[in-house]
Structures are given as C-alpha cells and as structure tokens.
Amino acid sequence: MPDAVSSDLSQLDDEVHAAEKALYELQHRRSSCKQLVAGLKRALSSIRIIPSELLSEIFLMCRNDALQFRNYSIFDATRAPLLLAHISSGSRTVCLSDARLWNHIHVHEP
C-alpha cells in the first residue's frame, strides 16, 4: 500500500509541476499581450493628437500612392481610403469627411 500511495504522490507532484509550468507560460503570454496592448494604445494616442487637417493630408498621400500603383479600389477595405477609416473613430470622421479621398472611382473590368 505505501508504494501505491508513494506512486500516486509522485504522479500528483508531476501533474502539479506541469500545471505550474503551464501557468508560468500563460502568465508570460499574458504579460506580453499586455505590453503589446500598451504599445498600441500609445501609438493610437499619438494619432489622436494629430490635427485633422494634417491627418487628412496624410490620408490623401496614402490614397495618391495607391492610385499611382493602380491598386486603388474604393470598395476594398484593406486599401486606402477605407483602410484609413478603421484606425480610430477620429480617423474615420476625418477620412469620410474629406471629399478629396473619394473623388476617384476605379472600375475594374474582368
């Protein structure tokens, strides 16, 4: 009987060790995610302090680059100008209110 209990105790110790290792790894991943979120918040806060007029000019340059390389599509959410509207609510307001970003429509013929 003592051997069975000793074996059970050893197995439980192994399981506790594995659980502690998994917990450590989860805590490390959580910490990394928190750092990433903090960095993204800092980046977004920097965007929020850019004056609307300057932000609009930046967006126009992005749109012009897309036009230059002929990969511009007004309905493609992964490209300017729609992509720019997804940065924040403030960028969406600036993007949607600047008619210069929307004065060109590309129609692709198959």
PDB file of N, CA and C in Angstrom:
ATOM      1  N   MET A   1       0.806  -1.205   0.000  1.00  0.00           N
ATOM      2  CA  MET A   1       0.000   0.000   0.000  1.00  0.00           C
ATOM      3  C   MET A   1       0.852   1.273   0.000  1.00  0.00           C
ATOM      4  N   PRO A   2       1.910   1.332   0.809  1.00  0.00           N
ATOM      5  CA  PRO A   2       2.710   2.554   0.802  1.00  0.00           C
ATOM      6  C   PRO A   2       3.324   2.841  -0.568  1.00  0.00           C
ATOM      7  N   ASP A   3       3.661   1.782  -1.321  1.00  0.00           N
ATOM      8  CA  ASP A   3       4.221   2.003  -2.655  1.00  0.00           C
ATOM      9  C   ASP A   3       3.194   2.631  -3.591  1.00  0.00           C
ATOM     10  N   ALA A   4       1.941   2.202  -3.488  1.00  0.00           N
ATOM     11  CA  ALA A   4       0.878   2.757  -4.329  1.00  0.00           C
ATOM     12  C   ALA A   4       0.647   4.221  -3.988  1.00  0.00           C
ATOM     13  N   VAL A   5       0.637   4.536  -2.697  1.00  0.00           N
ATOM     14  CA  VAL A   5       0.435   5.924  -2.267  1.00  0.00           C
ATOM     15  C   VAL A   5       1.629   6.768  -2.699  1.00  0.00           C
ATOM     16  N   SER A   6       2.812   6.223  -2.546  1.00  0.00           N
ATOM     17  CA  SER A   6       4.021   6.937  -2.956  1.00  0.00           C
ATOM     18  C   SER A   6       4.014   7.195  -4.462  1.00  0.00           C
ATOM     19  N   SER A   7       3.559   6.219  -5.217  1.00  0.00           N
ATOM     20  CA  SER A   7       3.464   6.368  -6.667  1.00  0.00           C
ATOM     21  C   SER A   7       2.434   7.435  -7.035  1.00  0.00           C
ATOM     22  N   ASP A   8       1.289   7.395  -6.335  1.00  0.00           N
ATOM     23  CA  ASP A   8       0.256   8.415  -6.570  1.00  0.00           C
ATOM     24  C   ASP A   8       0.788   9.806  -6.244  1.00  0.00           C
ATOM     25  N   LEU A   9       1.508   9.902  -5.128  1.00  0.00           N
ATOM     26  CA  LEU A   9       2.062  11.183  -4.710  1.00  0.00           C
ATOM     27  C   LEU A   9       3.066  11.697  -5.745  1.00  0.00           C
ATOM     28  N   SER A  10       3.872  10.813  -6.255  1.00  0.00           N
ATOM     29  CA  SER A  10       4.842  11.193  -7.283  1.00  0.00           C
ATOM     30  C   SER A  10       4.140  11.667  -8.554  1.00  0.00           C
ATOM     31  N   GLN A  11       3.092  10.959  -8.932  1.00  0.00           N
ATOM     32  CA  GLN A  11       2.323  11.346 -10.123  1.00  0.00           C
ATOM     33  C   GLN A  11       1.663  12.706  -9.911  1.00  0.00           C
ATOM     34  N   LEU A  12       1.116  12.917  -8.716  1.00  0.00           N
ATOM     35  CA  LEU A  12       0.496  14.213  -8.409  1.00  0.00           C
ATOM     36  C   LEU A  12       1.532  15.334  -8.436  1.00  0.00           C
ATOM     37  N   ASP A  13       2.718  15.055  -7.909  1.00  0.00           N
ATOM     38  CA  ASP A  13       3.791  16.057  -7.959  1.00  0.00           C
ATOM     39  C   ASP A  13       4.135  16.419  -9.406  1.00  0.00           C
ATOM     40  N   ASP A  14       4.192  15.405 -10.262  1.00  0.00           N
ATOM     41  CA  ASP A  14       4.462  15.653 -11.683  1.00  0.00           C
ATOM     42  C   ASP A  14       3.365  16.506 -12.315  1.00  0.00           C
ATOM     43  N   GLU A  15       2.109  16.207 -11.976  1.00  0.00           N
ATOM     44  CA  GLU A  15       0.987  16.975 -12.523  1.00  0.00           C
ATOM     45  C   GLU A  15       1.004  18.412 -12.023  1.00  0.00           C
ATOM     46  N   VAL A  16       1.325  18.595 -10.733  1.00  0.00           N
ATOM     47  CA  VAL A  16       1.416  19.948 -10.175  1.00  0.00           C
ATOM     48  C   VAL A  16       2.536  20.717 -10.875  1.00  0.00           C
ATOM     49  N   HIS A  17       3.664  20.057 -11.078  1.00  0.00           N
ATOM     50  CA  HIS A  17       4.784  20.699 -11.765  1.00  0.00           C
ATOM     51  C   HIS A  17       4.382  21.104 -13.190  1.00  0.00           C
ATOM     52  N   ALA A  18       3.693  20.219 -13.901  1.00  0.00           N
ATOM     53  CA  ALA A  18       3.244  20.529 -15.264  1.00  0.00           C
ATOM     54  C   ALA A  18       2.251  21.691 -15.251  1.00  0.00           C
ATOM     55  N   ALA A  19       1.354  21.705 -14.258  1.00  0.00           N
ATOM     56  CA  ALA A  19       0.371  22.787 -14.156  1.00  0.00           C
ATOM     57  C   ALA A  19       1.062  24.112 -13.839  1.00  0.00           C
ATOM     58  N   GLU A  20       2.061  24.075 -12.954  1.00  0.00           N
ATOM     59  CA  GLU A  20       2.802  25.296 -12.626  1.00  0.00           C
ATOM     60  C   GLU A  20       3.555  25.821 -13.848  1.00  0.00           C
ATOM     61  N   LYS A  21       4.121  24.903 -14.626  1.00  0.00           N
ATOM     62  CA  LYS A  21       4.822  25.307 -15.850  1.00  0.00           C
ATOM     63  C   LYS A  21       3.847  25.932 -16.845  1.00  0.00           C
ATOM     64  N   ALA A  22       2.674  25.311 -17.000  1.00  0.00           N
ATOM     65  CA  ALA A  22       1.656  25.856 -17.907  1.00  0.00           C
ATOM     66  C   ALA A  22       1.190  27.223 -17.420  1.00  0.00           C
ATOM     67  N   LEU A  23       1.017  27.369 -16.098  1.00  0.00           N
ATOM     68  CA  LEU A  23       0.599  28.650 -15.532  1.00  0.00           C
ATOM     69  C   LEU A  23       1.655  29.719 -15.805  1.00  0.00           C
ATOM     70  N   TYR A  24       2.921  29.376 -15.618  1.00  0.00           N
ATOM     71  CA  TYR A  24       4.002  30.321 -15.880  1.00  0.00           C
ATOM     72  C   TYR A  24       3.980  30.768 -17.341  1.00  0.00           C
ATOM     73  N   GLU A  25       3.811  29.817 -18.246  1.00  0.00           N
ATOM     74  CA  GLU A  25       3.778  30.150 -19.673  1.00  0.00           C
ATOM     75  C   GLU A  25       2.583  31.042 -20.003  1.00  0.00           C
ATOM     76  N   LEU A  26       1.429  30.752 -19.408  1.00  0.00           N
ATOM     77  CA  LEU A  26       0.243  31.592 -19.633  1.00  0.00           C
ATOM     78  C   LEU A  26       0.459  32.997 -19.088  1.00  0.00           C
ATOM     79  N   GLN A  27       1.073  33.093 -17.900  1.00  0.00           N
ATOM     80  CA  GLN A  27       1.334  34.408 -17.321  1.00  0.00           C
ATOM     81  C   GLN A  27       2.314  35.194 -18.186  1.00  0.00           C
ATOM     82  N   HIS A  28       3.301  34.508 -18.745  1.00  0.00           N
ATOM     83  CA  HIS A  28       4.267  35.166 -19.629  1.00  0.00           C
ATOM     84  C   HIS A  28       3.575  35.661 -20.902  1.00  0.00           C
ATOM     85  N   ARG A  29       2.725  34.826 -21.492  1.00  0.00           N
ATOM     86  CA  ARG A  29       1.981  35.241 -22.692  1.00  0.00           C
ATOM     87  C   ARG A  29       1.061  36.410 -22.373  1.00  0.00           C
ATOM     88  N   ARG A  30       0.417  36.360 -21.218  1.00  0.00           N
ATOM     89  CA  ARG A  30      -0.481  37.445 -20.794  1.00  0.00           C
ATOM     90  C   ARG A  30       0.303  38.746 -20.645  1.00  0.00           C
ATOM     91  N   SER A  31       1.470  38.663 -20.038  1.00  0.00           N
ATOM     92  CA  SER A  31       2.307  39.846 -19.862  1.00  0.00           C
ATOM     93  C   SER A  31       2.729  40.420 -21.214  1.00  0.00           C
ATOM     94  N   SER A  32       3.088  39.549 -22.141  1.00  0.00           N
ATOM     95  CA  SER A  32       3.467  40.005 -23.484  1.00  0.00           C
ATOM     96  C   SER A  32       2.299  40.691 -24.177  1.00  0.00           C
ATOM     97  N   CYS A  33       1.107  40.120 -24.036  1.00  0.00           N
ATOM     98  CA  CYS A  33      -0.085  40.731 -24.645  1.00  0.00           C
ATOM     99  C   CYS A  33      -0.377  42.088 -24.021  1.00  0.00           C
ATOM    100  N   LYS A  34      -0.215  42.193 -22.700  1.00  0.00           N
ATOM    101  CA  LYS A  34      -0.447  43.474 -22.028  1.00  0.00           C
ATOM    102  C   LYS A  34       0.527  44.531 -22.537  1.00  0.00           C
ATOM    103  N   GLN A  35       1.784  44.137 -22.738  1.00  0.00           N
ATOM    104  CA  GLN A  35       2.771  45.081 -23.255  1.00  0.00           C
ATOM    105  C   GLN A  35       2.421  45.514 -24.672  1.00  0.00           C
ATOM    106  N   LEU A  36       1.956  44.581 -25.478  1.00  0.00           N
ATOM    107  CA  LEU A  36       1.552  44.907 -26.844  1.00  0.00           C
ATOM    108  C   LEU A  36       0.374  45.877 -26.840  1.00  0.00           C
ATOM    109  N   VAL A  37      -0.616  45.609 -26.000  1.00  0.00           N
ATOM    110  CA  VAL A  37      -1.786  46.491 -25.901  1.00  0.00           C
ATOM    111  C   VAL A  37      -1.353  47.886 -25.463  1.00  0.00           C
ATOM    112  N   ALA A  38      -0.460  47.961 -24.488  1.00  0.00           N
ATOM    113  CA  ALA A  38       0.014  49.268 -24.020  1.00  0.00           C
ATOM    114  C   ALA A  38       0.721  50.018 -25.149  1.00  0.00           C
ATOM    115  N   GLY A  39       1.535  49.314 -25.926  1.00  0.00           N
ATOM    116  CA  GLY A  39       2.219  49.945 -27.052  1.00  0.00           C
ATOM    117  C   GLY A  39       1.252  50.433 -28.109  1.00  0.00           C
ATOM    118  N   LEU A  40       0.242  49.622 -28.396  1.00  0.00           N
ATOM    119  CA  LEU A  40      -0.759  50.026 -29.386  1.00  0.00           C
ATOM    120  C   LEU A  40      -1.563  51.223 -28.896  1.00  0.00           C
ATOM    121  N   LYS A  41      -1.867  51.251 -27.609  1.00  0.00           N
ATOM    122  CA  LYS A  41      -2.591  52.404 -27.055  1.00  0.00           C
ATOM    123  C   LYS A  41      -1.751  53.669 -27.171  1.00  0.00           C
ATOM    124  N   ARG A  42      -0.443  53.537 -26.916  1.00  0.00           N
ATOM    125  CA  ARG A  42       0.431  54.713 -27.060  1.00  0.00           C
ATOM    126  C   ARG A  42       0.463  55.183 -28.508  1.00  0.00           C
ATOM    127  N   ALA A  43       0.533  54.237 -29.430  1.00  0.00           N
ATOM    128  CA  ALA A  43       0.555  54.602 -30.855  1.00  0.00           C
ATOM    129  C   ALA A  43      -0.739  55.286 -31.254  1.00  0.00           C
ATOM    130  N   LEU A  44      -1.862  54.750 -30.810  1.00  0.00           N
ATOM    131  CA  LEU A  44      -3.148  55.360 -31.147  1.00  0.00           C
ATOM    132  C   LEU A  44      -3.302  56.724 -30.500  1.00  0.00           C
ATOM    133  N   SER A  45      -2.788  56.883 -29.284  1.00  0.00           N
ATOM    134  CA  SER A  45      -2.911  58.192 -28.648  1.00  0.00           C
ATOM    135  C   SER A  45      -2.104  59.226 -29.421  1.00  0.00           C
ATOM    136  N   SER A  46      -1.001  58.804 -30.038  1.00  0.00           N
ATOM    137  CA  SER A  46      -0.221  59.726 -30.868  1.00  0.00           C
ATOM    138  C   SER A  46      -1.018  60.149 -32.093  1.00  0.00           C
ATOM    139  N   ILE A  47      -1.743  59.224 -32.678  1.00  0.00           N
ATOM    140  CA  ILE A  47      -2.562  59.541 -33.848  1.00  0.00           C
ATOM    141  C   ILE A  47      -3.678  60.501 -33.462  1.00  0.00           C
ATOM    142  N   ARG A  48      -4.218  60.331 -32.280  1.00  0.00           N
ATOM    143  CA  ARG A  48      -5.350  61.167 -31.849  1.00  0.00           C
ATOM    144  C   ARG A  48      -4.978  62.630 -31.673  1.00  0.00           C
ATOM    145  N   ILE A  49      -3.698  62.916 -31.431  1.00  0.00           N
ATOM    146  CA  ILE A  49      -3.318  64.317 -31.217  1.00  0.00           C
ATOM    147  C   ILE A  49      -2.908  65.020 -32.508  1.00  0.00           C
ATOM    148  N   ILE A  50      -2.862  64.278 -33.611  1.00  0.00           N
ATOM    149  CA  ILE A  50      -2.544  64.900 -34.904  1.00  0.00           C
ATOM    150  C   ILE A  50      -3.746  65.735 -35.340  1.00  0.00           C
ATOM    151  N   PRO A  51      -3.534  66.984 -35.702  1.00  0.00           N
ATOM    152  CA  PRO A  51      -4.654  67.821 -36.152  1.00  0.00           C
ATOM    153  C   PRO A  51      -5.362  67.196 -37.362  1.00  0.00           C
ATOM    154  N   SER A  52      -6.658  67.384 -37.435  1.00  0.00           N
ATOM    155  CA  SER A  52      -7.474  66.799 -38.503  1.00  0.00           C
ATOM    156  C   SER A  52      -6.965  67.177 -39.884  1.00  0.00           C
ATOM    157  N   GLU A  53      -6.528  68.430 -40.051  1.00  0.00           N
ATOM    158  CA  GLU A  53      -6.053  68.889 -41.351  1.00  0.00           C
ATOM    159  C   GLU A  53      -4.810  68.112 -41.783  1.00  0.00           C
ATOM    160  N   LEU A  54      -3.899  67.883 -40.846  1.00  0.00           N
ATOM    161  CA  LEU A  54      -2.679  67.139 -41.153  1.00  0.00           C
ATOM    162  C   LEU A  54      -3.001  65.669 -41.419  1.00  0.00           C
ATOM    163  N   LEU A  55      -3.883  65.106 -40.618  1.00  0.00           N
ATOM    164  CA  LEU A  55      -4.298  63.722 -40.819  1.00  0.00           C
ATOM    165  C   LEU A  55      -4.935  63.546 -42.196  1.00  0.00           C
ATOM    166  N   SER A  56      -5.729  64.512 -42.592  1.00  0.00           N
ATOM    167  CA  SER A  56      -6.367  64.476 -43.903  1.00  0.00           C
ATOM    168  C   SER A  56      -5.329  64.492 -45.019  1.00  0.00           C
ATOM    169  N   GLU A  57      -4.291  65.297 -44.871  1.00  0.00           N
ATOM    170  CA  GLU A  57      -3.220  65.351 -45.873  1.00  0.00           C
ATOM    171  C   GLU A  57      -2.457  64.026 -45.934  1.00  0.00           C
ATOM    172  N   ILE A  58      -2.216  63.424 -44.787  1.00  0.00           N
ATOM    173  CA  ILE A  58      -1.540  62.115 -44.751  1.00  0.00           C
ATOM    174  C   ILE A  58      -2.388  61.080 -45.480  1.00  0.00           C
ATOM    175  N   PHE A  59      -3.683  61.090 -45.201  1.00  0.00           N
ATOM    176  CA  PHE A  59      -4.590  60.143 -45.858  1.00  0.00           C
ATOM    177  C   PHE A  59      -4.614  60.365 -47.369  1.00  0.00           C
ATOM    178  N   LEU A  60      -4.578  61.621 -47.778  1.00  0.00           N
ATOM    179  CA  LEU A  60      -4.575  61.933 -49.205  1.00  0.00           C
ATOM    180  C   LEU A  60      -3.300  61.401 -49.874  1.00  0.00           C
ATOM    181  N   MET A  61      -2.172  61.514 -49.187  1.00  0.00           N
ATOM    182  CA  MET A  61      -0.920  60.968 -49.729  1.00  0.00           C
ATOM    183  C   MET A  61      -1.001  59.443 -49.857  1.00  0.00           C
ATOM    184  N   CYS A  62      -1.595  58.794 -48.872  1.00  0.00           N
ATOM    185  CA  CYS A  62      -1.772  57.329 -48.950  1.00  0.00           C
ATOM    186  C   CYS A  62      -2.650  56.963 -50.137  1.00  0.00           C
ATOM    187  N   ARG A  63      -3.712  57.703 -50.314  1.00  0.00           N
ATOM    188  CA  ARG A  63      -4.622  57.447 -51.432  1.00  0.00           C
ATOM    189  C   ARG A  63      -3.909  57.684 -52.755  1.00  0.00           C
ATOM    190  N   ASN A  64      -3.117  58.759 -52.832  1.00  0.00           N
ATOM    191  CA  ASN A  64      -2.396  59.067 -54.068  1.00  0.00           C
ATOM    192  C   ASN A  64      -1.365  57.993 -54.398  1.00  0.00           C
ATOM    193  N   ASP A  65      -0.697  57.464 -53.379  1.00  0.00           N
ATOM    194  CA  ASP A  65       0.241  56.358 -53.612  1.00  0.00           C
ATOM    195  C   ASP A  65      -0.493  55.149 -54.162  1.00  0.00           C
ATOM    196  N   ALA A  66      -1.654  54.865 -53.618  1.00  0.00           N
ATOM    197  CA  ALA A  66      -2.444  53.727 -54.100  1.00  0.00           C
ATOM    198  C   ALA A  66      -2.857  53.948 -55.554  1.00  0.00           C
ATOM    199  N   LEU A  67      -3.226  55.182 -55.895  1.00  0.00           N
ATOM    200  CA  LEU A  67      -3.595  55.489 -57.283  1.00  0.00           C
ATOM    201  C   LEU A  67      -2.403  55.327 -58.213  1.00  0.00           C
ATOM    202  N   GLN A  68      -1.247  55.778 -57.755  1.00  0.00           N
ATOM    203  CA  GLN A  68      -0.043  55.716 -58.582  1.00  0.00           C
ATOM    204  C   GLN A  68       0.302  54.274 -58.938  1.00  0.00           C
ATOM    205  N   PHE A  69       0.108  53.380 -58.015  1.00  0.00           N
ATOM    206  CA  PHE A  69       0.452  51.979 -58.268  1.00  0.00           C
ATOM    207  C   PHE A  69      -0.738  51.170 -58.771  1.00  0.00           C
ATOM    208  N   ARG A  70      -1.816  51.854 -59.103  1.00  0.00           N
ATOM    209  CA  ARG A  70      -3.010  51.247 -59.698  1.00  0.00           C
ATOM    210  C   ARG A  70      -3.585  50.093 -58.876  1.00  0.00           C
ATOM    211  N   ASN A  71      -3.462  50.206 -57.587  1.00  0.00           N
ATOM    212  CA  ASN A  71      -4.062  49.179 -56.743  1.00  0.00           C
ATOM    213  C   ASN A  71      -5.144  49.792 -55.855  1.00  0.00           C
ATOM    214  N   TYR A  72      -5.789  50.797 -56.388  1.00  0.00           N
ATOM    215  CA  TYR A  72      -6.785  51.551 -55.645  1.00  0.00           C
ATOM    216  C   TYR A  72      -8.175  51.029 -55.961  1.00  0.00           C
ATOM    217  N   SER A  73      -8.887  50.741 -54.927  1.00  0.00           N
ATOM    218  CA  SER A  73     -10.281  50.346 -55.097  1.00  0.00           C
ATOM    219  C   SER A  73     -11.072  50.927 -53.942  1.00  0.00           C
ATOM    220  N   ILE A  74     -12.050  51.718 -54.246  1.00  0.00           N
ATOM    221  CA  ILE A  74     -12.836  52.384 -53.214  1.00  0.00           C
ATOM    222  C   ILE A  74     -13.593  51.392 -52.331  1.00  0.00           C
ATOM    223  N   PHE A  75     -13.825  50.195 -52.843  1.00  0.00           N
ATOM    224  CA  PHE A  75     -14.618  49.230 -52.094  1.00  0.00           C
ATOM    225  C   PHE A  75     -13.772  48.160 -51.411  1.00  0.00           C
ATOM    226  N   ASP A  76     -12.465  48.308 -51.438  1.00  0.00           N
ATOM    227  CA  ASP A  76     -11.581  47.338 -50.802  1.00  0.00           C
ATOM    228  C   ASP A  76     -11.187  47.858 -49.425  1.00  0.00           C
ATOM    229  N   ALA A  77     -11.679  47.216 -48.386  1.00  0.00           N
ATOM    230  CA  ALA A  77     -11.440  47.674 -47.017  1.00  0.00           C
ATOM    231  C   ALA A  77     -10.003  47.453 -46.562  1.00  0.00           C
ATOM    232  N   THR A  78      -9.192  46.774 -47.373  1.00  0.00           N
ATOM    233  CA  THR A  78      -7.793  46.560 -46.998  1.00  0.00           C
ATOM    234  C   THR A  78      -6.872  47.585 -47.637  1.00  0.00           C
ATOM    235  N   ARG A  79      -7.436  48.561 -48.332  1.00  0.00           N
ATOM    236  CA  ARG A  79      -6.633  49.585 -49.004  1.00  0.00           C
ATOM    237  C   ARG A  79      -7.192  50.975 -48.687  1.00  0.00           C
ATOM    238  N   ALA A  80      -6.347  51.983 -48.957  1.00  0.00           N
ATOM    239  CA  ALA A  80      -6.793  53.363 -48.784  1.00  0.00           C
ATOM    240  C   ALA A  80      -7.914  53.628 -49.785  1.00  0.00           C
ATOM    241  N   PRO A  81      -8.891  54.427 -49.464  1.00  0.00           N
ATOM    242  CA  PRO A  81      -9.084  55.160 -48.224  1.00  0.00           C
ATOM    243  C   PRO A  81      -9.870  54.400 -47.145  1.00  0.00           C
ATOM    244  N   LEU A  82     -10.543  53.310 -47.477  1.00  0.00           N
ATOM    245  CA  LEU A  82     -11.350  52.616 -46.463  1.00  0.00           C
ATOM    246  C   LEU A  82     -10.510  52.093 -45.306  1.00  0.00           C
ATOM    247  N   LEU A  83      -9.328  51.604 -45.577  1.00  0.00           N
ATOM    248  CA  LEU A  83      -8.465  51.099 -44.514  1.00  0.00           C
ATOM    249  C   LEU A  83      -8.175  52.195 -43.497  1.00  0.00           C
ATOM    250  N   LEU A  84      -7.984  53.409 -43.982  1.00  0.00           N
ATOM    251  CA  LEU A  84      -7.667  54.533 -43.104  1.00  0.00           C
ATOM    252  C   LEU A  84      -8.814  54.852 -42.157  1.00  0.00           C
ATOM    253  N   ALA A  85     -10.014  54.542 -42.567  1.00  0.00           N
ATOM    254  CA  ALA A  85     -11.185  54.810 -41.724  1.00  0.00           C
ATOM    255  C   ALA A  85     -11.284  53.837 -40.557  1.00  0.00           C
ATOM    256  N   HIS A  86     -10.458  52.797 -40.542  1.00  0.00           N
ATOM    257  CA  HIS A  86     -10.522  51.787 -39.486  1.00  0.00           C
ATOM    258  C   HIS A  86      -9.520  52.017 -38.360  1.00  0.00           C
ATOM    259  N   ILE A  87      -8.754  53.084 -38.411  1.00  0.00           N
ATOM    260  CA  ILE A  87      -7.738  53.330 -37.388  1.00  0.00           C
ATOM    261  C   ILE A  87      -8.382  53.697 -36.059  1.00  0.00           C
ATOM    262  N   SER A  88      -9.288  54.644 -36.091  1.00  0.00           N
ATOM    263  CA  SER A  88      -9.988  55.085 -34.876  1.00  0.00           C
ATOM    264  C   SER A  88     -11.238  55.835 -35.311  1.00  0.00           C
ATOM    265  N   SER A  89     -12.073  56.155 -34.348  1.00  0.00           N
ATOM    266  CA  SER A  89     -13.293  56.893 -34.707  1.00  0.00           C
ATOM    267  C   SER A  89     -12.942  58.283 -35.240  1.00  0.00           C
ATOM    268  N   GLY A  90     -11.888  58.887 -34.700  1.00  0.00           N
ATOM    269  CA  GLY A  90     -11.460  60.195 -35.193  1.00  0.00           C
ATOM    270  C   GLY A  90     -10.940  60.126 -36.616  1.00  0.00           C
ATOM    271  N   SER A  91     -10.156  59.086 -36.912  1.00  0.00           N
ATOM    272  CA  SER A  91      -9.646  58.946 -38.281  1.00  0.00           C
ATOM    273  C   SER A  91     -10.781  58.643 -39.244  1.00  0.00           C
ATOM    274  N   ARG A  92     -11.777  57.907 -38.775  1.00  0.00           N
ATOM    275  CA  ARG A  92     -12.938  57.607 -39.621  1.00  0.00           C
ATOM    276  C   ARG A  92     -13.673  58.897 -39.967  1.00  0.00           C
ATOM    277  N   THR A  93     -13.850  59.758 -38.982  1.00  0.00           N
ATOM    278  CA  THR A  93     -14.526  61.034 -39.222  1.00  0.00           C
ATOM    279  C   THR A  93     -13.753  61.869 -40.237  1.00  0.00           C
ATOM    280  N   VAL A  94     -12.437  61.960 -40.050  1.00  0.00           N
ATOM    281  CA  VAL A  94     -11.603  62.736 -40.974  1.00  0.00           C
ATOM    282  C   VAL A  94     -11.655  62.125 -42.366  1.00  0.00           C
ATOM    283  N   CYS A  95     -11.506  60.820 -42.437  1.00  0.00           N
ATOM    284  CA  CYS A  95     -11.469  60.123 -43.727  1.00  0.00           C
ATOM    285  C   CYS A  95     -12.778  60.283 -44.494  1.00  0.00           C
ATOM    286  N   LEU A  96     -13.878  60.085 -43.818  1.00  0.00           N
ATOM    287  CA  LEU A  96     -15.172  60.135 -44.506  1.00  0.00           C
ATOM    288  C   LEU A  96     -15.617  61.557 -44.834  1.00  0.00           C
ATOM    289  N   SER A  97     -15.060  62.534 -44.122  1.00  0.00           N
ATOM    290  CA  SER A  97     -15.493  63.914 -44.369  1.00  0.00           C
ATOM    291  C   SER A  97     -14.639  64.637 -45.415  1.00  0.00           C
ATOM    292  N   ASP A  98     -13.549  64.031 -45.856  1.00  0.00           N
ATOM    293  CA  ASP A  98     -12.686  64.680 -46.846  1.00  0.00           C
ATOM    294  C   ASP A  98     -13.045  64.170 -48.242  1.00  0.00           C
ATOM    295  N   ALA A  99     -13.730  65.001 -49.006  1.00  0.00           N
ATOM    296  CA  ALA A  99     -14.196  64.610 -50.345  1.00  0.00           C
ATOM    297  C   ALA A  99     -13.042  64.292 -51.289  1.00  0.00           C
ATOM    298  N   ARG A 100     -11.859  64.854 -51.030  1.00  0.00           N
ATOM    299  CA  ARG A 100     -10.716  64.589 -51.910  1.00  0.00           C
ATOM    300  C   ARG A 100     -10.332  63.109 -51.916  1.00  0.00           C
ATOM    301  N   LEU A 101     -10.616  62.416 -50.836  1.00  0.00           N
ATOM    302  CA  LEU A 101     -10.295  60.986 -50.768  1.00  0.00           C
ATOM    303  C   LEU A 101     -11.262  60.143 -51.590  1.00  0.00           C
ATOM    304  N   TRP A 102     -12.391  60.718 -51.922  1.00  0.00           N
ATOM    305  CA  TRP A 102     -13.466  59.956 -52.567  1.00  0.00           C
ATOM    306  C   TRP A 102     -13.783  60.463 -53.970  1.00  0.00           C
ATOM    307  N   ASN A 103     -12.894  61.280 -54.556  1.00  0.00           N
ATOM    308  CA  ASN A 103     -13.201  61.852 -55.866  1.00  0.00           C
ATOM    309  C   ASN A 103     -12.708  60.998 -57.030  1.00  0.00           C
ATOM    310  N   HIS A 104     -12.247  59.810 -56.778  1.00  0.00           N
ATOM    311  CA  HIS A 104     -11.776  58.922 -57.836  1.00  0.00           C
ATOM    312  C   HIS A 104     -12.354  57.535 -57.599  1.00  0.00           C
ATOM    313  N   ILE A 105     -12.973  56.992 -58.614  1.00  0.00           N
ATOM    314  CA  ILE A 105     -13.537  55.646 -58.510  1.00  0.00           C
ATOM    315  C   ILE A 105     -12.892  54.780 -59.576  1.00  0.00           C
ATOM    316  N   HIS A 106     -12.349  53.686 -59.142  1.00  0.00           N
ATOM    317  CA  HIS A 106     -11.708  52.744 -60.062  1.00  0.00           C
ATOM    318  C   HIS A 106     -12.685  51.612 -60.352  1.00  0.00           C
ATOM    319  N   VAL A 107     -12.926  51.376 -61.620  1.00  0.00           N
ATOM    320  CA  VAL A 107     -13.793  50.270 -62.033  1.00  0.00           C
ATOM    321  C   VAL A 107     -12.917  49.251 -62.736  1.00  0.00           C
ATOM    322  N   HIS A 108     -12.876  48.079 -62.183  1.00  0.00           N
ATOM    323  CA  HIS A 108     -12.049  47.016 -62.753  1.00  0.00           C
ATOM    324  C   HIS A 108     -12.878  46.192 -63.725  1.00  0.00           C
ATOM    325  N   GLU A 109     -12.388  46.082 -64.944  1.00  0.00           N
ATOM    326  CA  GLU A 109     -13.068  45.249 -65.942  1.00  0.00           C
ATOM    327  C   GLU A 109     -12.374  43.900 -65.995  1.00  0.00           C
ATOM    328  N   PRO A 110     -13.122  42.826 -65.851  1.00  0.00           N
ATOM    329  CA  PRO A 110     -12.502  41.497 -65.874  1.00  0.00           C
ATOM    330  C   PRO A 110     -11.995  41.111 -67.247  1.00  0.00           C
TER     331      PRO A 110
END
